[in-house]
C-alpha atoms as a PDB file:
ATOM      1  CA  MET A   1     129.655 -10.718-119.786  1.00  0.00           C
ATOM      2  CA  LEU A   2     126.676 -11.785-117.710  1.00  0.00           C
ATOM      3  CA  PRO A   3     124.854 -15.108-117.288  1.00  0.00           C
ATOM      4  CA  ASP A   4     122.559 -16.283-120.079  1.00  0.00           C
ATOM      5  CA  TYR A   5     120.774 -18.650-117.711  1.00  0.00           C
ATOM      6  CA  ILE A   6     120.353 -19.501-114.037  1.00  0.00           C
ATOM      7  CA  ILE A   7     119.714 -22.926-112.547  1.00  0.00           C
ATOM      8  CA  ILE A   8     117.173 -22.676-109.737  1.00  0.00           C
ATOM      9  CA  GLY A   9     115.140 -25.310-107.934  1.00  0.00           C
ATOM     10  CA  ALA A  10     114.491 -27.327-104.860  1.00  0.00           C
ATOM     11  CA  HIS A  11     117.348 -28.712-102.794  1.00  0.00           C
ATOM     12  CA  LYS A  12     117.994 -32.422-103.329  1.00  0.00           C
ATOM     13  CA  SER A  13     116.434 -32.282-106.802  1.00  0.00           C
ATOM     14  CA  ALA A  14     119.530 -33.000-108.947  1.00  0.00           C
ATOM     15  CA  SER A  15     120.453 -29.387-109.710  1.00  0.00           C
ATOM     16  CA  THR A  16     124.094 -30.292-109.081  1.00  0.00           C
ATOM     17  CA  PHE A  17     123.804 -33.052-111.685  1.00  0.00           C
ATOM     18  CA  VAL A  18     122.379 -30.589-114.231  1.00  0.00           C
ATOM     19  CA  HIS A  19     125.156 -28.151-113.339  1.00  0.00           C
ATOM     20  CA  LYS A  20     127.864 -30.773-113.894  1.00  0.00           C
ATOM     21  CA  CYS A  21     126.356 -31.898-117.202  1.00  0.00           C
ATOM     22  CA  LEU A  22     126.259 -28.336-118.525  1.00  0.00           C
ATOM     23  CA  MET A  23     129.833 -27.705-117.376  1.00  0.00           C
ATOM     24  CA  GLU A  24     131.006 -30.571-119.626  1.00  0.00           C
ATOM     25  CA  HIS A  25     129.854 -28.761-122.761  1.00  0.00           C
ATOM     26  CA  PRO A  26     132.762 -26.955-124.483  1.00  0.00           C
ATOM     27  CA  ASP A  27     130.682 -23.845-125.332  1.00  0.00           C
ATOM     28  CA  ILE A  28     129.324 -23.349-121.800  1.00  0.00           C
ATOM     29  CA  TYR A  29     131.023 -21.880-118.764  1.00  0.00           C
ATOM     30  CA  MET A  30     129.645 -22.022-115.250  1.00  0.00           C
ATOM     31  CA  PRO A  31     131.516 -21.237-112.043  1.00  0.00           C
ATOM     32  CA  LYS A  32     132.101 -24.360-109.970  1.00  0.00           C
ATOM     33  CA  ASP A  33     130.390 -22.909-106.892  1.00  0.00           C
ATOM     34  CA  GLU A  34     126.912 -21.495-106.351  1.00  0.00           C
ATOM     35  CA  ILE A  35     126.604 -17.724-106.827  1.00  0.00           C
ATOM     36  CA  PRO A  36     124.479 -15.964-104.161  1.00  0.00           C
ATOM     37  CA  PHE A  37     124.618 -12.553-105.891  1.00  0.00           C
ATOM     38  CA  PHE A  38     120.848 -11.966-106.082  1.00  0.00           C
ATOM     39  CA  GLU A  39     120.172 -12.833-102.442  1.00  0.00           C
ATOM     40  CA  ILE A  40     122.995 -11.042-100.641  1.00  0.00           C
ATOM     41  CA  PRO A  41     121.805  -8.628 -97.940  1.00  0.00           C
ATOM     42  CA  ASP A  42     123.641  -5.636 -99.452  1.00  0.00           C
ATOM     43  CA  TYR A  43     122.324  -6.294-102.985  1.00  0.00           C
ATOM     44  CA  GLU A  44     121.051  -2.695-103.328  1.00  0.00           C
ATOM     45  CA  SER A  45     124.571  -1.328-102.993  1.00  0.00           C
ATOM     46  CA  SER A  46     126.190  -3.987-105.152  1.00  0.00           C
ATOM     47  CA  SER A  47     127.093  -3.697-108.817  1.00  0.00           C
ATOM     48  CA  LEU A  48     126.734  -6.079-111.752  1.00  0.00           C
ATOM     49  CA  SER A  49     130.503  -5.866-112.091  1.00  0.00           C
ATOM     50  CA  GLU A  50     130.650  -8.170-109.045  1.00  0.00           C
ATOM     51  CA  LEU A  51     128.728 -10.772-111.035  1.00  0.00           C
ATOM     52  CA  GLU A  52     130.719 -10.156-114.219  1.00  0.00           C
ATOM     53  CA  LYS A  53     133.998 -10.988-112.468  1.00  0.00           C
ATOM     54  CA  TYR A  54     133.033 -14.682-112.503  1.00  0.00           C
ATOM     55  CA  PHE A  55     133.130 -14.652-116.324  1.00  0.00           C
ATOM     56  CA  LYS A  56     136.065 -12.323-116.973  1.00  0.00           C
ATOM     57  CA  GLY A  57     138.394 -13.620-119.649  1.00  0.00           C
ATOM     58  CA  ARG A  58     136.194 -16.576-120.578  1.00  0.00           C
ATOM     59  CA  LYS A  59     135.836 -17.450-124.276  1.00  0.00           C
ATOM     60  CA  GLU A  60     132.806 -19.759-124.139  1.00  0.00           C
ATOM     61  CA  LYS A  61     129.589 -18.810-125.946  1.00  0.00           C
ATOM     62  CA  ARG A  62     127.176 -19.220-123.006  1.00  0.00           C
ATOM     63  CA  PHE A  63     127.480 -18.451-119.328  1.00  0.00           C
ATOM     64  CA  GLY A  64     125.367 -19.597-116.433  1.00  0.00           C
ATOM     65  CA  ILE A  65     125.133 -19.735-112.668  1.00  0.00           C
ATOM     66  CA  LYS A  66     123.501 -22.097-110.206  1.00  0.00           C
ATOM     67  CA  ARG A  67     121.720 -21.267-106.989  1.00  0.00           C
ATOM     68  CA  PRO A  68     118.785 -23.566-106.136  1.00  0.00           C
ATOM     69  CA  SER A  69     117.692 -21.462-103.167  1.00  0.00           C
ATOM     70  CA  TYR A  70     116.794 -18.552-105.468  1.00  0.00           C
ATOM     71  CA  ILE A  71     113.446 -20.268-106.046  1.00  0.00           C
ATOM     72  CA  GLY A  72     112.384 -19.712-102.426  1.00  0.00           C
ATOM     73  CA  LYS A  73     113.499 -16.105-101.930  1.00  0.00           C
ATOM     74  CA  PRO A  74     110.726 -13.569-102.611  1.00  0.00           C
ATOM     75  CA  GLU A  75     113.135 -10.730-103.411  1.00  0.00           C
ATOM     76  CA  VAL A  76     115.104 -12.627-106.067  1.00  0.00           C
ATOM     77  CA  PRO A  77     112.688 -12.700-109.074  1.00  0.00           C
ATOM     78  CA  ALA A  78     112.479  -8.897-109.295  1.00  0.00           C
ATOM     79  CA  ARG A  79     116.252  -8.596-108.979  1.00  0.00           C
ATOM     80  CA  ILE A  80     116.899 -11.118-111.746  1.00  0.00           C
ATOM     81  CA  SER A  81     114.260  -9.507-113.950  1.00  0.00           C
ATOM     82  CA  ASN A  82     115.819  -6.098-113.402  1.00  0.00           C
ATOM     83  CA  ASP A  83     119.474  -7.089-113.898  1.00  0.00           C
ATOM     84  CA  LEU A  84     119.187 -10.008-116.356  1.00  0.00           C
ATOM     85  CA  PRO A  85     115.892  -9.519-118.210  1.00  0.00           C
ATOM     86  CA  ASP A  86     116.842 -11.937-121.019  1.00  0.00           C
ATOM     87  CA  ALA A  87     118.246 -14.695-118.812  1.00  0.00           C
ATOM     88  CA  LYS A  88     116.603 -18.101-119.019  1.00  0.00           C
ATOM     89  CA  LEU A  89     115.706 -20.003-115.865  1.00  0.00           C
ATOM     90  CA  ILE A  90     116.302 -23.727-115.612  1.00  0.00           C
ATOM     91  CA  ALA A  91     114.054 -24.967-112.803  1.00  0.00           C
ATOM     92  CA  VAL A  92     114.985 -28.367-111.390  1.00  0.00           C
ATOM     93  CA  LEU A  93     112.182 -29.822-109.276  1.00  0.00           C
ATOM     94  CA  ARG A  94     111.439 -33.138-107.600  1.00  0.00           C
ATOM     95  CA  ASP A  95     108.555 -34.890-105.895  1.00  0.00           C
ATOM     96  CA  PRO A  96     108.403 -33.342-102.394  1.00  0.00           C
ATOM     97  CA  VAL A  97     108.132 -36.687-100.585  1.00  0.00           C
ATOM     98  CA  ASP A  98     111.115 -38.165-102.436  1.00  0.00           C
ATOM     99  CA  ARG A  99     113.069 -34.995-101.733  1.00  0.00           C
ATOM    100  CA  ALA A 100     112.262 -35.144 -98.001  1.00  0.00           C
ATOM    101  CA  VAL A 101     113.313 -38.797 -97.792  1.00  0.00           C
ATOM    102  CA  SER A 102     116.566 -38.035 -99.614  1.00  0.00           C
ATOM    103  CA  SER A 103     117.257 -35.131 -97.288  1.00  0.00           C
ATOM    104  CA  TYR A 104     116.538 -37.281 -94.220  1.00  0.00           C
ATOM    105  CA  TYR A 105     119.154 -39.875 -95.151  1.00  0.00           C
ATOM    106  CA  ILE A 106     122.044 -37.455 -95.565  1.00  0.00           C
END
């Protein structure tokens, strides 16, 4: 089993909120933590079985992962397209000024 969708987006844009909302649905499973699979330095030598282990034994109908920083990594789109060609992307974005202010006050 592999992810049906991936949450990507800008930091401080409510991607964690979207993640938590989706996790509440009984037919959806998402790991609690972010999954950096597509941006790891040794990606070329990795296997999809490393990604599948996050979903092993799950009975839900849909599976997803979250990693907002995927949106800013130039190598990631080709990797996702190659390994998960049917996966949907959920892009969570926010006004850049509001995002910068939010980041400043953390």
